[in-house]
PDB file of N, CA and C in Angstrom:
ATOM      1  N   MET A   1      -4.359  -6.711  18.969  1.00  0.00           N
ATOM      2  CA  MET A   1      -3.008  -6.979  18.504  1.00  0.00           C
ATOM      3  C   MET A   1      -2.652  -5.977  17.412  1.00  0.00           C
ATOM      4  N   ASN A   2      -1.724  -5.094  17.679  1.00  0.00           N
ATOM      5  CA  ASN A   2      -1.284  -4.130  16.684  1.00  0.00           C
ATOM      6  C   ASN A   2      -0.159  -4.718  15.836  1.00  0.00           C
ATOM      7  N   PHE A   3      -0.139  -4.313  14.582  1.00  0.00           N
ATOM      8  CA  PHE A   3       0.883  -4.744  13.645  1.00  0.00           C
ATOM      9  C   PHE A   3       1.874  -3.610  13.426  1.00  0.00           C
ATOM     10  N   GLN A   4       3.121  -3.976  13.178  1.00  0.00           N
ATOM     11  CA  GLN A   4       4.148  -3.013  12.790  1.00  0.00           C
ATOM     12  C   GLN A   4       4.077  -2.882  11.279  1.00  0.00           C
ATOM     13  N   ILE A   5       3.990  -1.664  10.782  1.00  0.00           N
ATOM     14  CA  ILE A   5       3.972  -1.431   9.337  1.00  0.00           C
ATOM     15  C   ILE A   5       5.401  -1.287   8.849  1.00  0.00           C
ATOM     16  N   ARG A   6       5.747  -2.115   7.882  1.00  0.00           N
ATOM     17  CA  ARG A   6       7.076  -2.059   7.252  1.00  0.00           C
ATOM     18  C   ARG A   6       6.888  -1.646   5.801  1.00  0.00           C
ATOM     19  N   LEU A   7       7.947  -1.155   5.203  1.00  0.00           N
ATOM     20  CA  LEU A   7       7.892  -0.672   3.828  1.00  0.00           C
ATOM     21  C   LEU A   7       8.720  -1.562   2.928  1.00  0.00           C
ATOM     22  N   GLY A   8       8.118  -1.965   1.806  1.00  0.00           N
ATOM     23  CA  GLY A   8       8.836  -2.773   0.825  1.00  0.00           C
ATOM     24  C   GLY A   8       9.999  -1.997   0.247  1.00  0.00           C
ATOM     25  N   VAL A   9      11.009  -2.738  -0.173  1.00  0.00           N
ATOM     26  CA  VAL A   9      12.221  -2.115  -0.700  1.00  0.00           C
ATOM     27  C   VAL A   9      12.365  -2.437  -2.190  1.00  0.00           C
ATOM     28  N   PRO A  10      12.891  -1.527  -2.962  1.00  0.00           N
ATOM     29  CA  PRO A  10      13.241  -0.163  -2.581  1.00  0.00           C
ATOM     30  C   PRO A  10      12.109   0.846  -2.813  1.00  0.00           C
ATOM     31  N   GLU A  11      11.113   0.505  -3.631  1.00  0.00           N
ATOM     32  CA  GLU A  11      10.153   1.502  -4.120  1.00  0.00           C
ATOM     33  C   GLU A  11       9.342   2.184  -3.018  1.00  0.00           C
ATOM     34  N   ILE A  12       8.722   1.416  -2.152  1.00  0.00           N
ATOM     35  CA  ILE A  12       7.837   1.996  -1.142  1.00  0.00           C
ATOM     36  C   ILE A  12       8.654   2.755  -0.096  1.00  0.00           C
ATOM     37  N   GLU A  13       9.754   2.173   0.307  1.00  0.00           N
ATOM     38  CA  GLU A  13      10.635   2.842   1.263  1.00  0.00           C
ATOM     39  C   GLU A  13      11.142   4.175   0.696  1.00  0.00           C
ATOM     40  N   ASN A  14      11.522   4.179  -0.571  1.00  0.00           N
ATOM     41  CA  ASN A  14      12.009   5.416  -1.209  1.00  0.00           C
ATOM     42  C   ASN A  14      10.915   6.473  -1.291  1.00  0.00           C
ATOM     43  N   LEU A  15       9.692   6.059  -1.656  1.00  0.00           N
ATOM     44  CA  LEU A  15       8.575   6.997  -1.735  1.00  0.00           C
ATOM     45  C   LEU A  15       8.314   7.639  -0.376  1.00  0.00           C
ATOM     46  N   TRP A  16       8.241   6.822   0.668  1.00  0.00           N
ATOM     47  CA  TRP A  16       7.978   7.332   2.018  1.00  0.00           C
ATOM     48  C   TRP A  16       9.082   8.293   2.470  1.00  0.00           C
ATOM     49  N   ASN A  17      10.333   7.877   2.289  1.00  0.00           N
ATOM     50  CA  ASN A  17      11.462   8.719   2.701  1.00  0.00           C
ATOM     51  C   ASN A  17      11.490  10.044   1.939  1.00  0.00           C
ATOM     52  N   GLU A  18      11.132  10.008   0.664  1.00  0.00           N
ATOM     53  CA  GLU A  18      11.074  11.226  -0.133  1.00  0.00           C
ATOM     54  C   GLU A  18      10.000  12.173   0.403  1.00  0.00           C
ATOM     55  N   LEU A  19       8.815  11.639   0.695  1.00  0.00           N
ATOM     56  CA  LEU A  19       7.734  12.482   1.218  1.00  0.00           C
ATOM     57  C   LEU A  19       8.098  13.073   2.580  1.00  0.00           C
ATOM     58  N   ILE A  20       8.640  12.263   3.469  1.00  0.00           N
ATOM     59  CA  ILE A  20       9.025  12.748   4.801  1.00  0.00           C
ATOM     60  C   ILE A  20      10.138  13.788   4.681  1.00  0.00           C
ATOM     61  N   GLY A  21      11.088  13.553   3.798  1.00  0.00           N
ATOM     62  CA  GLY A  21      12.171  14.513   3.580  1.00  0.00           C
ATOM     63  C   GLY A  21      11.646  15.861   3.102  1.00  0.00           C
ATOM     64  N   LYS A  22      10.662  15.823   2.213  1.00  0.00           N
ATOM     65  CA  LYS A  22      10.078  17.072   1.721  1.00  0.00           C
ATOM     66  C   LYS A  22       9.344  17.813   2.830  1.00  0.00           C
ATOM     67  N   VAL A  23       8.674  17.074   3.718  1.00  0.00           N
ATOM     68  CA  VAL A  23       8.012  17.706   4.862  1.00  0.00           C
ATOM     69  C   VAL A  23       9.053  18.401   5.732  1.00  0.00           C
ATOM     70  N   GLU A  24      10.131  17.691   6.044  1.00  0.00           N
ATOM     71  CA  GLU A  24      11.176  18.243   6.914  1.00  0.00           C
ATOM     72  C   GLU A  24      11.836  19.479   6.314  1.00  0.00           C
ATOM     73  N   ARG A  25      11.957  19.507   4.987  1.00  0.00           N
ATOM     74  CA  ARG A  25      12.576  20.657   4.321  1.00  0.00           C
ATOM     75  C   ARG A  25      11.562  21.751   3.984  1.00  0.00           C
ATOM     76  N   GLY A  26      10.281  21.489   4.245  1.00  0.00           N
ATOM     77  CA  GLY A  26       9.238  22.455   3.915  1.00  0.00           C
ATOM     78  C   GLY A  26       9.018  22.600   2.424  1.00  0.00           C
ATOM     79  N   LYS A  27       9.303  21.541   1.662  1.00  0.00           N
ATOM     80  CA  LYS A  27       9.223  21.584   0.198  1.00  0.00           C
ATOM     81  C   LYS A  27       8.148  20.656  -0.359  1.00  0.00           C
ATOM     82  N   ILE A  28       7.170  20.279   0.459  1.00  0.00           N
ATOM     83  CA  ILE A  28       6.158  19.329   0.015  1.00  0.00           C
ATOM     84  C   ILE A  28       5.015  20.067  -0.688  1.00  0.00           C
ATOM     85  N   SER A  29       4.574  19.524  -1.817  1.00  0.00           N
ATOM     86  CA  SER A  29       3.476  20.138  -2.567  1.00  0.00           C
ATOM     87  C   SER A  29       2.133  19.769  -1.918  1.00  0.00           C
ATOM     88  N   ILE A  30       1.100  20.450  -2.327  1.00  0.00           N
ATOM     89  CA  ILE A  30      -0.239  20.169  -1.802  1.00  0.00           C
ATOM     90  C   ILE A  30      -0.653  18.733  -2.128  1.00  0.00           C
ATOM     91  N   ASN A  31      -0.408  18.285  -3.365  1.00  0.00           N
ATOM     92  CA  ASN A  31      -0.765  16.910  -3.751  1.00  0.00           C
ATOM     93  C   ASN A  31       0.030  15.877  -2.957  1.00  0.00           C
ATOM     94  N   GLU A  32       1.312  16.133  -2.767  1.00  0.00           N
ATOM     95  CA  GLU A  32       2.135  15.213  -1.980  1.00  0.00           C
ATOM     96  C   GLU A  32       1.668  15.163  -0.530  1.00  0.00           C
ATOM     97  N   LYS A  33       1.248  16.304  -0.008  1.00  0.00           N
ATOM     98  CA  LYS A  33       0.738  16.367   1.363  1.00  0.00           C
ATOM     99  C   LYS A  33      -0.535  15.528   1.492  1.00  0.00           C
ATOM    100  N   LYS A  34      -1.392  15.584   0.471  1.00  0.00           N
ATOM    101  CA  LYS A  34      -2.622  14.779   0.466  1.00  0.00           C
ATOM    102  C   LYS A  34      -2.292  13.285   0.442  1.00  0.00           C
ATOM    103  N   ILE A  35      -1.328  12.920  -0.387  1.00  0.00           N
ATOM    104  CA  ILE A  35      -0.918  11.509  -0.471  1.00  0.00           C
ATOM    105  C   ILE A  35      -0.364  11.039   0.870  1.00  0.00           C
ATOM    106  N   LEU A  36       0.491  11.841   1.483  1.00  0.00           N
ATOM    107  CA  LEU A  36       1.076  11.488   2.773  1.00  0.00           C
ATOM    108  C   LEU A  36      -0.007  11.314   3.837  1.00  0.00           C
ATOM    109  N   LYS A  37      -0.984  12.189   3.833  1.00  0.00           N
ATOM    110  CA  LYS A  37      -2.085  12.097   4.795  1.00  0.00           C
ATOM    111  C   LYS A  37      -2.883  10.808   4.582  1.00  0.00           C
ATOM    112  N   LYS A  38      -3.175  10.462   3.324  1.00  0.00           N
ATOM    113  CA  LYS A  38      -3.911   9.227   3.021  1.00  0.00           C
ATOM    114  C   LYS A  38      -3.097   8.001   3.420  1.00  0.00           C
ATOM    115  N   LEU A  39      -1.810   8.025   3.111  1.00  0.00           N
ATOM    116  CA  LEU A  39      -0.951   6.897   3.484  1.00  0.00           C
ATOM    117  C   LEU A  39      -0.904   6.730   4.999  1.00  0.00           C
ATOM    118  N   SER A  40      -0.717   7.818   5.721  1.00  0.00           N
ATOM    119  CA  SER A  40      -0.634   7.764   7.181  1.00  0.00           C
ATOM    120  C   SER A  40      -1.917   7.200   7.782  1.00  0.00           C
ATOM    121  N   LYS A  41      -3.059   7.663   7.290  1.00  0.00           N
ATOM    122  CA  LYS A  41      -4.346   7.178   7.793  1.00  0.00           C
ATOM    123  C   LYS A  41      -4.506   5.690   7.507  1.00  0.00           C
ATOM    124  N   THR A  42      -4.191   5.283   6.284  1.00  0.00           N
ATOM    125  CA  THR A  42      -4.328   3.878   5.906  1.00  0.00           C
ATOM    126  C   THR A  42      -3.371   3.002   6.697  1.00  0.00           C
ATOM    127  N   PHE A  43      -2.125   3.435   6.864  1.00  0.00           N
ATOM    128  CA  PHE A  43      -1.161   2.658   7.650  1.00  0.00           C
ATOM    129  C   PHE A  43      -1.641   2.505   9.091  1.00  0.00           C
ATOM    130  N   ASN A  44      -2.217   3.556   9.651  1.00  0.00           N
ATOM    131  CA  ASN A  44      -2.730   3.494  11.013  1.00  0.00           C
ATOM    132  C   ASN A  44      -3.866   2.475  11.120  1.00  0.00           C
ATOM    133  N   LEU A  45      -4.816   2.541  10.186  1.00  0.00           N
ATOM    134  CA  LEU A  45      -5.926   1.575  10.196  1.00  0.00           C
ATOM    135  C   LEU A  45      -5.408   0.144  10.043  1.00  0.00           C
ATOM    136  N   LEU A  46      -4.468  -0.050   9.140  1.00  0.00           N
ATOM    137  CA  LEU A  46      -3.893  -1.387   8.937  1.00  0.00           C
ATOM    138  C   LEU A  46      -3.214  -1.904  10.194  1.00  0.00           C
ATOM    139  N   SER A  47      -2.497  -1.032  10.874  1.00  0.00           N
ATOM    140  CA  SER A  47      -1.745  -1.477  12.053  1.00  0.00           C
ATOM    141  C   SER A  47      -2.678  -1.924  13.173  1.00  0.00           C
ATOM    142  N   VAL A  48      -3.853  -1.324  13.250  1.00  0.00           N
ATOM    143  CA  VAL A  48      -4.812  -1.673  14.301  1.00  0.00           C
ATOM    144  C   VAL A  48      -5.705  -2.836  13.884  1.00  0.00           C
ATOM    145  N   ASN A  49      -6.199  -2.798  12.633  1.00  0.00           N
ATOM    146  CA  ASN A  49      -7.126  -3.829  12.166  1.00  0.00           C
ATOM    147  C   ASN A  49      -7.077  -3.914  10.642  1.00  0.00           C
ATOM    148  N   PRO A  50      -6.289  -4.846  10.093  1.00  0.00           N
ATOM    149  CA  PRO A  50      -6.170  -4.956   8.636  1.00  0.00           C
ATOM    150  C   PRO A  50      -7.497  -5.242   7.928  1.00  0.00           C
ATOM    151  N   LYS A  51      -8.481  -5.721   8.661  1.00  0.00           N
ATOM    152  CA  LYS A  51      -9.787  -6.034   8.062  1.00  0.00           C
ATOM    153  C   LYS A  51     -10.822  -4.937   8.338  1.00  0.00           C
ATOM    154  N   HIS A  52     -10.370  -3.744   8.718  1.00  0.00           N
ATOM    155  CA  HIS A  52     -11.278  -2.622   8.981  1.00  0.00           C
ATOM    156  C   HIS A  52     -12.175  -2.401   7.760  1.00  0.00           C
ATOM    157  N   ASN A  53     -13.453  -2.177   8.015  1.00  0.00           N
ATOM    158  CA  ASN A  53     -14.426  -2.047   6.925  1.00  0.00           C
ATOM    159  C   ASN A  53     -14.035  -1.001   5.884  1.00  0.00           C
ATOM    160  N   SER A  54     -13.542   0.138   6.306  1.00  0.00           N
ATOM    161  CA  SER A  54     -13.237   1.203   5.351  1.00  0.00           C
ATOM    162  C   SER A  54     -12.059   0.860   4.437  1.00  0.00           C
ATOM    163  N   LEU A  55     -11.252  -0.131   4.812  1.00  0.00           N
ATOM    164  CA  LEU A  55     -10.127  -0.535   3.968  1.00  0.00           C
ATOM    165  C   LEU A  55     -10.559  -1.477   2.840  1.00  0.00           C
ATOM    166  N   ASN A  56     -11.686  -2.153   3.042  1.00  0.00           N
ATOM    167  CA  ASN A  56     -12.179  -3.139   2.065  1.00  0.00           C
ATOM    168  C   ASN A  56     -11.059  -4.099   1.642  1.00  0.00           C
ATOM    169  N   THR A  57     -10.359  -4.631   2.598  1.00  0.00           N
ATOM    170  CA  THR A  57      -9.228  -5.520   2.356  1.00  0.00           C
ATOM    171  C   THR A  57      -9.689  -6.844   1.758  1.00  0.00           C
ATOM    172  N   HIS A  58      -8.977  -7.279   0.724  1.00  0.00           N
ATOM    173  CA  HIS A  58      -9.254  -8.581   0.122  1.00  0.00           C
ATOM    174  C   HIS A  58      -7.995  -9.089  -0.592  1.00  0.00           C
ATOM    175  N   GLU A  59      -7.909 -10.405  -0.669  1.00  0.00           N
ATOM    176  CA  GLU A  59      -6.753 -11.019  -1.325  1.00  0.00           C
ATOM    177  C   GLU A  59      -6.872 -10.850  -2.836  1.00  0.00           C
ATOM    178  N   ILE A  60      -5.733 -10.653  -3.483  1.00  0.00           N
ATOM    179  CA  ILE A  60      -5.656 -10.607  -4.943  1.00  0.00           C
ATOM    180  C   ILE A  60      -4.917 -11.870  -5.373  1.00  0.00           C
ATOM    181  N   GLU A  61      -5.688 -12.862  -5.788  1.00  0.00           N
ATOM    182  CA  GLU A  61      -5.119 -14.177  -6.098  1.00  0.00           C
ATOM    183  C   GLU A  61      -4.059 -14.130  -7.185  1.00  0.00           C
ATOM    184  N   GLN A  62      -4.263 -13.296  -8.212  1.00  0.00           N
ATOM    185  CA  GLN A  62      -3.267 -13.198  -9.286  1.00  0.00           C
ATOM    186  C   GLN A  62      -1.910 -12.768  -8.741  1.00  0.00           C
ATOM    187  N   LEU A  63      -1.918 -11.814  -7.814  1.00  0.00           N
ATOM    188  CA  LEU A  63      -0.654 -11.338  -7.238  1.00  0.00           C
ATOM    189  C   LEU A  63      -0.093 -12.351  -6.243  1.00  0.00           C
ATOM    190  N   SER A  64      -0.968 -13.029  -5.512  1.00  0.00           N
ATOM    191  CA  SER A  64      -0.513 -14.060  -4.572  1.00  0.00           C
ATOM    192  C   SER A  64       0.236 -15.161  -5.311  1.00  0.00           C
ATOM    193  N   LYS A  65      -0.296 -15.574  -6.440  1.00  0.00           N
ATOM    194  CA  LYS A  65       0.367 -16.616  -7.244  1.00  0.00           C
ATOM    195  C   LYS A  65       1.714 -16.122  -7.756  1.00  0.00           C
ATOM    196  N   ARG A  66       1.739 -14.896  -8.241  1.00  0.00           N
ATOM    197  CA  ARG A  66       2.972 -14.345  -8.801  1.00  0.00           C
ATOM    198  C   ARG A  66       4.035 -14.120  -7.730  1.00  0.00           C
ATOM    199  N   TYR A  67       3.625 -13.681  -6.542  1.00  0.00           N
ATOM    200  CA  TYR A  67       4.562 -13.318  -5.480  1.00  0.00           C
ATOM    201  C   TYR A  67       4.916 -14.494  -4.579  1.00  0.00           C
ATOM    202  N   GLY A  68       4.067 -15.549  -4.589  1.00  0.00           N
ATOM    203  CA  GLY A  68       4.349 -16.733  -3.784  1.00  0.00           C
ATOM    204  C   GLY A  68       3.941 -16.602  -2.329  1.00  0.00           C
ATOM    205  N   ILE A  69       3.166 -15.586  -1.991  1.00  0.00           N
ATOM    206  CA  ILE A  69       2.658 -15.355  -0.641  1.00  0.00           C
ATOM    207  C   ILE A  69       1.346 -14.596  -0.810  1.00  0.00           C
ATOM    208  N   LYS A  70       0.423 -14.744   0.129  1.00  0.00           N
ATOM    209  CA  LYS A  70      -0.855 -14.043  -0.002  1.00  0.00           C
ATOM    210  C   LYS A  70      -0.638 -12.538  -0.053  1.00  0.00           C
ATOM    211  N   VAL A  71      -1.141 -11.923  -1.117  1.00  0.00           N
ATOM    212  CA  VAL A  71      -1.049 -10.478  -1.305  1.00  0.00           C
ATOM    213  C   VAL A  71      -2.451  -9.910  -1.129  1.00  0.00           C
ATOM    214  N   TRP A  72      -2.543  -8.898  -0.281  1.00  0.00           N
ATOM    215  CA  TRP A  72      -3.808  -8.262   0.034  1.00  0.00           C
ATOM    216  C   TRP A  72      -3.860  -6.874  -0.578  1.00  0.00           C
ATOM    217  N   GLN A  73      -5.062  -6.451  -0.942  1.00  0.00           N
ATOM    218  CA  GLN A  73      -5.281  -5.103  -1.450  1.00  0.00           C
ATOM    219  C   GLN A  73      -6.214  -4.384  -0.489  1.00  0.00           C
ATOM    220  N   SER A  74      -5.890  -3.137  -0.173  1.00  0.00           N
ATOM    221  CA  SER A  74      -6.740  -2.302   0.669  1.00  0.00           C
ATOM    222  C   SER A  74      -6.902  -0.947   0.013  1.00  0.00           C
ATOM    223  N   TYR A  75      -8.007  -0.294   0.344  1.00  0.00           N
ATOM    224  CA  TYR A  75      -8.279   1.032  -0.211  1.00  0.00           C
ATOM    225  C   TYR A  75      -7.357   2.075   0.411  1.00  0.00           C
ATOM    226  N   LEU A  76      -6.808   2.900  -0.433  1.00  0.00           N
ATOM    227  CA  LEU A  76      -6.126   4.110  -0.004  1.00  0.00           C
ATOM    228  C   LEU A  76      -7.114   5.270  -0.122  1.00  0.00           C
ATOM    229  N   GLU A  77      -7.947   5.168  -1.120  1.00  0.00           N
ATOM    230  CA  GLU A  77      -9.028   6.125  -1.342  1.00  0.00           C
ATOM    231  C   GLU A  77     -10.122   5.413  -2.120  1.00  0.00           C
ATOM    232  N   ASN A  78     -11.269   6.057  -2.237  1.00  0.00           N
ATOM    233  CA  ASN A  78     -12.408   5.425  -2.871  1.00  0.00           C
ATOM    234  C   ASN A  78     -13.240   6.490  -3.588  1.00  0.00           C
ATOM    235  N   ARG A  79     -14.103   6.018  -4.438  1.00  0.00           N
ATOM    236  CA  ARG A  79     -15.081   6.866  -5.130  1.00  0.00           C
ATOM    237  C   ARG A  79     -14.461   7.968  -5.982  1.00  0.00           C
ATOM    238  N   LYS A  80     -13.403   7.623  -6.672  1.00  0.00           N
ATOM    239  CA  LYS A  80     -12.844   8.540  -7.654  1.00  0.00           C
ATOM    240  C   LYS A  80     -12.147   7.715  -8.724  1.00  0.00           C
ATOM    241  N   PRO A  81     -12.024   8.232  -9.934  1.00  0.00           N
ATOM    242  CA  PRO A  81     -11.372   7.473 -10.998  1.00  0.00           C
ATOM    243  C   PRO A  81      -9.944   7.091 -10.607  1.00  0.00           C
ATOM    244  N   ALA A  82      -9.589   5.871 -10.889  1.00  0.00           N
ATOM    245  CA  ALA A  82      -8.248   5.349 -10.583  1.00  0.00           C
ATOM    246  C   ALA A  82      -7.885   5.536  -9.107  1.00  0.00           C
ATOM    247  N   ALA A  83      -8.851   5.280  -8.228  1.00  0.00           N
ATOM    248  CA  ALA A  83      -8.631   5.429  -6.788  1.00  0.00           C
ATOM    249  C   ALA A  83      -7.429   4.595  -6.352  1.00  0.00           C
ATOM    250  N   GLY A  84      -6.629   5.148  -5.443  1.00  0.00           N
ATOM    251  CA  GLY A  84      -5.410   4.499  -4.992  1.00  0.00           C
ATOM    252  C   GLY A  84      -5.666   3.233  -4.190  1.00  0.00           C
ATOM    253  N   ARG A  85      -4.813   2.256  -4.380  1.00  0.00           N
ATOM    254  CA  ARG A  85      -4.857   1.002  -3.650  1.00  0.00           C
ATOM    255  C   ARG A  85      -3.456   0.711  -3.121  1.00  0.00           C
ATOM    256  N   ILE A  86      -3.421   0.058  -1.965  1.00  0.00           N
ATOM    257  CA  ILE A  86      -2.130  -0.418  -1.481  1.00  0.00           C
ATOM    258  C   ILE A  86      -2.164  -1.936  -1.479  1.00  0.00           C
ATOM    259  N   PHE A  87      -1.029  -2.520  -1.736  1.00  0.00           N
ATOM    260  CA  PHE A  87      -0.870  -3.971  -1.745  1.00  0.00           C
ATOM    261  C   PHE A  87       0.105  -4.316  -0.631  1.00  0.00           C
ATOM    262  N   TRP A  88      -0.233  -5.350   0.130  1.00  0.00           N
ATOM    263  CA  TRP A  88       0.581  -5.672   1.295  1.00  0.00           C
ATOM    264  C   TRP A  88       0.546  -7.163   1.586  1.00  0.00           C
ATOM    265  N   VAL A  89       1.489  -7.572   2.417  1.00  0.00           N
ATOM    266  CA  VAL A  89       1.590  -8.966   2.863  1.00  0.00           C
ATOM    267  C   VAL A  89       1.846  -8.982   4.364  1.00  0.00           C
ATOM    268  N   TYR A  90       1.513 -10.093   4.996  1.00  0.00           N
ATOM    269  CA  TYR A  90       1.905 -10.296   6.383  1.00  0.00           C
ATOM    270  C   TYR A  90       3.368 -10.721   6.381  1.00  0.00           C
ATOM    271  N   GLY A  91       4.166 -10.157   7.283  1.00  0.00           N
ATOM    272  CA  GLY A  91       5.558 -10.564   7.412  1.00  0.00           C
ATOM    273  C   GLY A  91       6.499  -9.402   7.180  1.00  0.00           C
ATOM    274  N   PRO A  92       7.784  -9.592   7.348  1.00  0.00           N
ATOM    275  CA  PRO A  92       8.462 -10.872   7.475  1.00  0.00           C
ATOM    276  C   PRO A  92       8.340 -11.504   8.873  1.00  0.00           C
ATOM    277  N   ASN A  93       8.019 -10.701   9.904  1.00  0.00           N
ATOM    278  CA  ASN A  93       7.855 -11.254  11.248  1.00  0.00           C
ATOM    279  C   ASN A  93       6.374 -11.420  11.560  1.00  0.00           C
ATOM    280  N   ILE A  94       6.071 -12.084  12.662  1.00  0.00           N
ATOM    281  CA  ILE A  94       4.695 -12.440  13.000  1.00  0.00           C
ATOM    282  C   ILE A  94       3.762 -11.239  13.072  1.00  0.00           C
ATOM    283  N   LYS A  95       4.146 -10.162  13.693  1.00  0.00           N
ATOM    284  CA  LYS A  95       3.260  -9.003  13.857  1.00  0.00           C
ATOM    285  C   LYS A  95       3.597  -7.884  12.876  1.00  0.00           C
ATOM    286  N   ASP A  96       4.070  -8.238  11.691  1.00  0.00           N
ATOM    287  CA  ASP A  96       4.438  -7.265  10.672  1.00  0.00           C
ATOM    288  C   ASP A  96       3.455  -7.293   9.509  1.00  0.00           C
ATOM    289  N   ILE A  97       3.220  -6.128   8.952  1.00  0.00           N
ATOM    290  CA  ILE A  97       2.564  -5.968   7.659  1.00  0.00           C
ATOM    291  C   ILE A  97       3.528  -5.156   6.814  1.00  0.00           C
ATOM    292  N   THR A  98       3.840  -5.658   5.624  1.00  0.00           N
ATOM    293  CA  THR A  98       4.759  -4.961   4.736  1.00  0.00           C
ATOM    294  C   THR A  98       3.998  -4.454   3.514  1.00  0.00           C
ATOM    295  N   ILE A  99       4.086  -3.157   3.293  1.00  0.00           N
ATOM    296  CA  ILE A  99       3.468  -2.521   2.131  1.00  0.00           C
ATOM    297  C   ILE A  99       4.391  -2.775   0.941  1.00  0.00           C
ATOM    298  N   ILE A 100       3.871  -3.456  -0.082  1.00  0.00           N
ATOM    299  CA  ILE A 100       4.720  -3.814  -1.220  1.00  0.00           C
ATOM    300  C   ILE A 100       4.293  -3.132  -2.521  1.00  0.00           C
ATOM    301  N   GLY A 101       3.205  -2.372  -2.468  1.00  0.00           N
ATOM    302  CA  GLY A 101       2.777  -1.674  -3.675  1.00  0.00           C
ATOM    303  C   GLY A 101       1.774  -0.577  -3.371  1.00  0.00           C
ATOM    304  N   ILE A 102       1.869   0.495  -4.117  1.00  0.00           N
ATOM    305  CA  ILE A 102       0.892   1.585  -4.064  1.00  0.00           C
ATOM    306  C   ILE A 102       0.621   1.949  -5.514  1.00  0.00           C
ATOM    307  N   GLU A 103      -0.627   1.763  -5.916  1.00  0.00           N
ATOM    308  CA  GLU A 103      -0.985   1.941  -7.317  1.00  0.00           C
ATOM    309  C   GLU A 103      -2.386   2.511  -7.442  1.00  0.00           C
ATOM    310  N   PRO A 104      -2.700   3.119  -8.597  1.00  0.00           N
ATOM    311  CA  PRO A 104      -4.105   3.399  -8.880  1.00  0.00           C
ATOM    312  C   PRO A 104      -4.821   2.060  -9.039  1.00  0.00           C
ATOM    313  N   HIS A 105      -6.112   2.052  -8.827  1.00  0.00           N
ATOM    314  CA  HIS A 105      -6.861   0.801  -8.934  1.00  0.00           C
ATOM    315  C   HIS A 105      -6.677   0.209 -10.322  1.00  0.00           C
ATOM    316  N   PRO A 106      -6.147  -1.027 -10.385  1.00  0.00           N
ATOM    317  CA  PRO A 106      -5.990  -1.662 -11.698  1.00  0.00           C
ATOM    318  C   PRO A 106      -7.343  -2.145 -12.203  1.00  0.00           C
ATOM    319  N   GLU A 107      -7.560  -2.029 -13.470  1.00  0.00           N
ATOM    320  CA  GLU A 107      -8.779  -2.562 -14.073  1.00  0.00           C
ATOM    321  C   GLU A 107      -8.578  -4.056 -14.240  1.00  0.00           C
ATOM    322  N   ASP A 108      -8.954  -4.821 -13.196  1.00  0.00           N
ATOM    323  CA  ASP A 108      -8.646  -6.247 -13.170  1.00  0.00           C
ATOM    324  C   ASP A 108      -9.331  -7.033 -14.275  1.00  0.00           C
ATOM    325  N   SER A 109     -10.472  -6.590 -14.757  1.00  0.00           N
ATOM    326  CA  SER A 109     -11.162  -7.343 -15.796  1.00  0.00           C
ATOM    327  C   SER A 109     -10.755  -6.899 -17.197  1.00  0.00           C
ATOM    328  N   LYS A 110      -9.959  -5.855 -17.293  1.00  0.00           N
ATOM    329  CA  LYS A 110      -9.546  -5.325 -18.592  1.00  0.00           C
ATOM    330  C   LYS A 110      -8.032  -5.388 -18.735  1.00  0.00           C
ATOM    331  N   ARG A 111      -7.592  -5.901 -19.847  1.00  0.00           N
ATOM    332  CA  ARG A 111      -6.174  -5.876 -20.205  1.00  0.00           C
ATOM    333  C   ARG A 111      -5.238  -6.381 -19.100  1.00  0.00           C
ATOM    334  N   LYS A 112      -5.689  -7.383 -18.352  1.00  0.00           N
ATOM    335  CA  LYS A 112      -4.830  -7.991 -17.326  1.00  0.00           C
ATOM    336  C   LYS A 112      -4.221  -6.944 -16.400  1.00  0.00           C
ATOM    337  N   GLY A 113      -5.063  -6.145 -15.784  1.00  0.00           N
ATOM    338  CA  GLY A 113      -4.641  -5.022 -14.955  1.00  0.00           C
ATOM    339  C   GLY A 113      -3.656  -5.373 -13.868  1.00  0.00           C
ATOM    340  N   TYR A 114      -3.839  -6.514 -13.197  1.00  0.00           N
ATOM    341  CA  TYR A 114      -2.941  -6.862 -12.096  1.00  0.00           C
ATOM    342  C   TYR A 114      -1.572  -7.323 -12.591  1.00  0.00           C
ATOM    343  N   ASP A 115      -1.456  -7.672 -13.864  1.00  0.00           N
ATOM    344  CA  ASP A 115      -0.141  -8.027 -14.418  1.00  0.00           C
ATOM    345  C   ASP A 115       0.785  -6.813 -14.443  1.00  0.00           C
ATOM    346  N   LYS A 116       0.211  -5.614 -14.448  1.00  0.00           N
ATOM    347  CA  LYS A 116       0.997  -4.387 -14.538  1.00  0.00           C
ATOM    348  C   LYS A 116       1.446  -3.879 -13.172  1.00  0.00           C
ATOM    349  N   VAL A 117       0.913  -4.446 -12.098  1.00  0.00           N
ATOM    350  CA  VAL A 117       1.260  -3.994 -10.751  1.00  0.00           C
ATOM    351  C   VAL A 117       2.668  -4.439 -10.417  1.00  0.00           C
ATOM    352  N   LYS A 118       3.503  -3.481 -10.027  1.00  0.00           N
ATOM    353  CA  LYS A 118       4.887  -3.772  -9.643  1.00  0.00           C
ATOM    354  C   LYS A 118       4.970  -3.830  -8.123  1.00  0.00           C
ATOM    355  N   LEU A 119       5.530  -4.907  -7.609  1.00  0.00           N
ATOM    356  CA  LEU A 119       5.613  -5.115  -6.167  1.00  0.00           C
ATOM    357  C   LEU A 119       7.045  -4.985  -5.681  1.00  0.00           C
ATOM    358  N   SER A 120       7.189  -4.343  -4.521  1.00  0.00           N
ATOM    359  CA  SER A 120       8.494  -4.248  -3.868  1.00  0.00           C
ATOM    360  C   SER A 120       8.824  -5.563  -3.180  1.00  0.00           C
ATOM    361  N   LYS A 121      10.029  -5.641  -2.670  1.00  0.00           N
ATOM    362  CA  LYS A 121      10.465  -6.820  -1.904  1.00  0.00           C
ATOM    363  C   LYS A 121      10.309  -6.577  -0.420  1.00  0.00           C
ATOM    364  N   LEU A 122      10.253  -7.659   0.353  1.00  0.00           N
ATOM    365  CA  LEU A 122      10.220  -7.540   1.794  1.00  0.00           C
ATOM    366  C   LEU A 122      11.553  -6.994   2.296  1.00  0.00           C
ATOM    367  N   PRO A 123      11.522  -6.221   3.391  1.00  0.00           N
ATOM    368  CA  PRO A 123      12.773  -5.661   3.912  1.00  0.00           C
ATOM    369  C   PRO A 123      13.686  -6.753   4.475  1.00  0.00           C
TER     370      PRO A 123
END
């Protein structure tokens, strides 16, 4: 069962559209190209199997309580300082996954790291 990847509004949708626009105009930087490649790979893995081992998907209870729906965290990258994480939820439709946050790994045990995570809204 494949999932449709949706983008939270406005932050995630704006980020994606900006990156794609830069590709189309030939104005994308090397770092932006790396981010786009990581996002594309992660979105592909999520769409096929949200529990894929390399994603290390797990629920973040603090965000689930704050958002009122189960919020999951998956790896965007690993083994580097402040490695990127994506935050997502199932929905709004049955076979949808909506990306609601992209952040460096929050230090959850220090200074209430997950309190600083900003989440987009469902489309």
